[in-house]
């Protein structure tokens, strides 16, 4: 794990949709944090400077999490996305999912404070 990371990441394999103002690409999430995601680079995707919307559905539910992201790195067929904006419902569901996977609510509380302090 990269020691510079400030947010806990969990492995989370899920289908997702990555989109900008003009195009939509199906992708797969590799891991998630409160501050972003690592996804597979979709076929036909070219590096963009515009914000990208990442949307995915939580398994066995109708809950869709959506976040506005920016591309921060591209390596070995993977895209690192940093969260720029996420609505209150999405962050609440994401926090709960991460809490269940990490088993440490206090850690996520500290990370949420860091996220909103920046």
C-alpha atoms as a PDB file:
ATOM      1  CA  UNK A   1       0.000   0.000   0.000  1.00  0.00           C
ATOM      2  CA  UNK A   2       1.198   3.515  -0.775  1.00  0.00           C
ATOM      3  CA  UNK A   3       2.103   5.282   2.477  1.00  0.00           C
ATOM      4  CA  UNK A   4       0.946   8.655   1.096  1.00  0.00           C
ATOM      5  CA  UNK A   5      -2.693   7.548   1.095  1.00  0.00           C
ATOM      6  CA  UNK A   6      -4.809   9.390   3.616  1.00  0.00           C
ATOM      7  CA  UNK A   7      -8.006   7.390   3.093  1.00  0.00           C
ATOM      8  CA  UNK A   8      -8.603   3.703   3.760  1.00  0.00           C
ATOM      9  CA  UNK A   9      -9.318   1.689   0.649  1.00  0.00           C
ATOM     10  CA  UNK A  10     -11.300  -1.510   0.376  1.00  0.00           C
ATOM     11  CA  UNK A  11     -11.290  -4.001  -2.454  1.00  0.00           C
ATOM     12  CA  UNK A  12     -14.658  -3.665  -4.122  1.00  0.00           C
ATOM     13  CA  UNK A  13     -15.302  -5.451  -7.397  1.00  0.00           C
ATOM     14  CA  UNK A  14     -18.372  -3.998  -9.085  1.00  0.00           C
ATOM     15  CA  UNK A  15     -19.625  -2.948 -12.493  1.00  0.00           C
ATOM     16  CA  UNK A  16     -19.793   0.813 -12.903  1.00  0.00           C
ATOM     17  CA  UNK A  17     -20.422   3.553 -15.429  1.00  0.00           C
ATOM     18  CA  UNK A  18     -17.902   6.307 -16.101  1.00  0.00           C
ATOM     19  CA  UNK A  19     -19.165   9.300 -18.060  1.00  0.00           C
ATOM     20  CA  UNK A  20     -18.423  12.857 -19.075  1.00  0.00           C
ATOM     21  CA  UNK A  21     -20.600  15.408 -20.837  1.00  0.00           C
ATOM     22  CA  UNK A  22     -20.313  13.564 -24.155  1.00  0.00           C
ATOM     23  CA  UNK A  23     -19.622   9.863 -23.611  1.00  0.00           C
ATOM     24  CA  UNK A  24     -20.354   6.925 -21.327  1.00  0.00           C
ATOM     25  CA  UNK A  25     -18.093   3.929 -20.723  1.00  0.00           C
ATOM     26  CA  UNK A  26     -18.797   0.711 -18.821  1.00  0.00           C
ATOM     27  CA  UNK A  27     -16.017  -0.146 -16.370  1.00  0.00           C
ATOM     28  CA  UNK A  28     -15.271  -2.214 -13.277  1.00  0.00           C
ATOM     29  CA  UNK A  29     -14.302  -0.850  -9.878  1.00  0.00           C
ATOM     30  CA  UNK A  30     -11.220  -2.412  -8.278  1.00  0.00           C
ATOM     31  CA  UNK A  31     -11.227  -0.549  -4.965  1.00  0.00           C
ATOM     32  CA  UNK A  32     -12.941   2.353  -3.204  1.00  0.00           C
ATOM     33  CA  UNK A  33     -12.314   4.968  -0.550  1.00  0.00           C
ATOM     34  CA  UNK A  34     -14.204   7.996   0.708  1.00  0.00           C
ATOM     35  CA  UNK A  35     -12.002  10.072  -1.590  1.00  0.00           C
ATOM     36  CA  UNK A  36     -12.165   8.108  -4.836  1.00  0.00           C
ATOM     37  CA  UNK A  37     -11.865   4.854  -6.692  1.00  0.00           C
ATOM     38  CA  UNK A  38      -9.576   2.725  -8.798  1.00  0.00           C
ATOM     39  CA  UNK A  39     -11.318   1.472 -11.946  1.00  0.00           C
ATOM     40  CA  UNK A  40     -10.402  -0.483 -15.047  1.00  0.00           C
ATOM     41  CA  UNK A  41      -9.662   1.745 -18.030  1.00  0.00           C
ATOM     42  CA  UNK A  42     -12.660   1.324 -20.335  1.00  0.00           C
ATOM     43  CA  UNK A  43     -12.208   0.480 -24.009  1.00  0.00           C
ATOM     44  CA  UNK A  44     -12.184   3.650 -26.088  1.00  0.00           C
ATOM     45  CA  UNK A  45     -11.458   5.897 -23.101  1.00  0.00           C
ATOM     46  CA  UNK A  46      -9.077   8.768 -23.736  1.00  0.00           C
ATOM     47  CA  UNK A  47      -7.547  10.891 -21.015  1.00  0.00           C
ATOM     48  CA  UNK A  48      -9.685  13.933 -20.328  1.00  0.00           C
ATOM     49  CA  UNK A  49      -9.330  17.034 -18.214  1.00  0.00           C
ATOM     50  CA  UNK A  50     -13.077  17.374 -17.618  1.00  0.00           C
ATOM     51  CA  UNK A  51     -14.785  15.990 -14.532  1.00  0.00           C
ATOM     52  CA  UNK A  52     -15.946  12.390 -14.842  1.00  0.00           C
ATOM     53  CA  UNK A  53     -19.028  10.951 -13.188  1.00  0.00           C
ATOM     54  CA  UNK A  54     -18.658   7.502 -11.627  1.00  0.00           C
ATOM     55  CA  UNK A  55     -21.880   5.624 -10.832  1.00  0.00           C
ATOM     56  CA  UNK A  56     -22.365   2.135  -9.452  1.00  0.00           C
ATOM     57  CA  UNK A  57     -25.033   0.086  -7.742  1.00  0.00           C
ATOM     58  CA  UNK A  58     -24.482  -1.613  -4.408  1.00  0.00           C
ATOM     59  CA  UNK A  59     -24.856  -5.370  -4.667  1.00  0.00           C
ATOM     60  CA  UNK A  60     -28.269  -6.836  -3.892  1.00  0.00           C
ATOM     61  CA  UNK A  61     -29.906  -3.412  -3.588  1.00  0.00           C
ATOM     62  CA  UNK A  62     -31.321  -0.561  -5.627  1.00  0.00           C
ATOM     63  CA  UNK A  63     -28.876   1.919  -4.084  1.00  0.00           C
ATOM     64  CA  UNK A  64     -26.827   3.828  -6.660  1.00  0.00           C
ATOM     65  CA  UNK A  65     -23.751   5.761  -5.561  1.00  0.00           C
ATOM     66  CA  UNK A  66     -22.691   8.617  -7.812  1.00  0.00           C
ATOM     67  CA  UNK A  67     -19.644  10.840  -7.473  1.00  0.00           C
ATOM     68  CA  UNK A  68     -18.047  13.514  -9.603  1.00  0.00           C
ATOM     69  CA  UNK A  69     -14.371  12.676 -10.010  1.00  0.00           C
ATOM     70  CA  UNK A  70     -11.201  13.723 -11.732  1.00  0.00           C
ATOM     71  CA  UNK A  71      -8.553  11.485 -13.231  1.00  0.00           C
ATOM     72  CA  UNK A  72      -5.402  11.671 -11.107  1.00  0.00           C
ATOM     73  CA  UNK A  73      -3.414   8.796 -12.579  1.00  0.00           C
ATOM     74  CA  UNK A  74      -3.510   6.209 -15.337  1.00  0.00           C
ATOM     75  CA  UNK A  75      -1.294   3.127 -15.068  1.00  0.00           C
ATOM     76  CA  UNK A  76      -1.350  -0.516 -16.171  1.00  0.00           C
ATOM     77  CA  UNK A  77      -4.898  -0.318 -17.547  1.00  0.00           C
ATOM     78  CA  UNK A  78      -6.271   1.265 -14.359  1.00  0.00           C
ATOM     79  CA  UNK A  79      -7.578   4.771 -13.695  1.00  0.00           C
ATOM     80  CA  UNK A  80      -7.203   6.476 -10.335  1.00  0.00           C
ATOM     81  CA  UNK A  81     -10.152   8.783  -9.723  1.00  0.00           C
ATOM     82  CA  UNK A  82     -10.314  11.416  -6.995  1.00  0.00           C
ATOM     83  CA  UNK A  83     -13.729  12.425  -5.706  1.00  0.00           C
ATOM     84  CA  UNK A  84     -14.539  16.096  -6.330  1.00  0.00           C
ATOM     85  CA  UNK A  85     -18.173  16.001  -5.224  1.00  0.00           C
ATOM     86  CA  UNK A  86     -20.582  13.440  -3.815  1.00  0.00           C
ATOM     87  CA  UNK A  87     -24.157  13.988  -2.669  1.00  0.00           C
ATOM     88  CA  UNK A  88     -25.209  13.350   0.924  1.00  0.00           C
ATOM     89  CA  UNK A  89     -27.116  10.138   0.154  1.00  0.00           C
ATOM     90  CA  UNK A  90     -24.198   8.661  -1.812  1.00  0.00           C
ATOM     91  CA  UNK A  91     -21.597   9.538   0.853  1.00  0.00           C
ATOM     92  CA  UNK A  92     -23.843   8.068   3.561  1.00  0.00           C
ATOM     93  CA  UNK A  93     -24.203   4.761   1.699  1.00  0.00           C
ATOM     94  CA  UNK A  94     -20.513   4.707   0.764  1.00  0.00           C
ATOM     95  CA  UNK A  95     -19.488   5.379   4.367  1.00  0.00           C
ATOM     96  CA  UNK A  96     -21.706   2.561   5.647  1.00  0.00           C
ATOM     97  CA  UNK A  97     -20.373   0.119   3.044  1.00  0.00           C
ATOM     98  CA  UNK A  98     -16.765   1.036   3.887  1.00  0.00           C
ATOM     99  CA  UNK A  99     -17.496   0.809   7.626  1.00  0.00           C
ATOM    100  CA  UNK A 100     -18.850  -2.709   7.206  1.00  0.00           C
ATOM    101  CA  UNK A 101     -15.773  -3.742   5.212  1.00  0.00           C
ATOM    102  CA  UNK A 102     -13.198  -2.029   7.430  1.00  0.00           C
ATOM    103  CA  UNK A 103     -14.902  -2.695  10.764  1.00  0.00           C
ATOM    104  CA  UNK A 104     -13.733   0.650  12.194  1.00  0.00           C
ATOM    105  CA  UNK A 105     -16.299   3.466  12.341  1.00  0.00           C
ATOM    106  CA  UNK A 106     -13.933   5.817  14.208  1.00  0.00           C
ATOM    107  CA  UNK A 107     -11.365   5.603  11.401  1.00  0.00           C
ATOM    108  CA  UNK A 108     -14.008   6.575   8.849  1.00  0.00           C
ATOM    109  CA  UNK A 109     -15.194   9.447  11.055  1.00  0.00           C
ATOM    110  CA  UNK A 110     -11.633  10.857  11.054  1.00  0.00           C
ATOM    111  CA  UNK A 111     -11.411  10.396   7.273  1.00  0.00           C
ATOM    112  CA  UNK A 112     -14.733  12.168   6.742  1.00  0.00           C
ATOM    113  CA  UNK A 113     -13.437  15.121   8.759  1.00  0.00           C
ATOM    114  CA  UNK A 114     -10.279  15.198   6.613  1.00  0.00           C
ATOM    115  CA  UNK A 115     -12.361  15.000   3.440  1.00  0.00           C
ATOM    116  CA  UNK A 116     -14.558  17.949   4.373  1.00  0.00           C
ATOM    117  CA  UNK A 117     -11.645  19.972   5.800  1.00  0.00           C
ATOM    118  CA  UNK A 118      -9.885  20.022   2.419  1.00  0.00           C
END
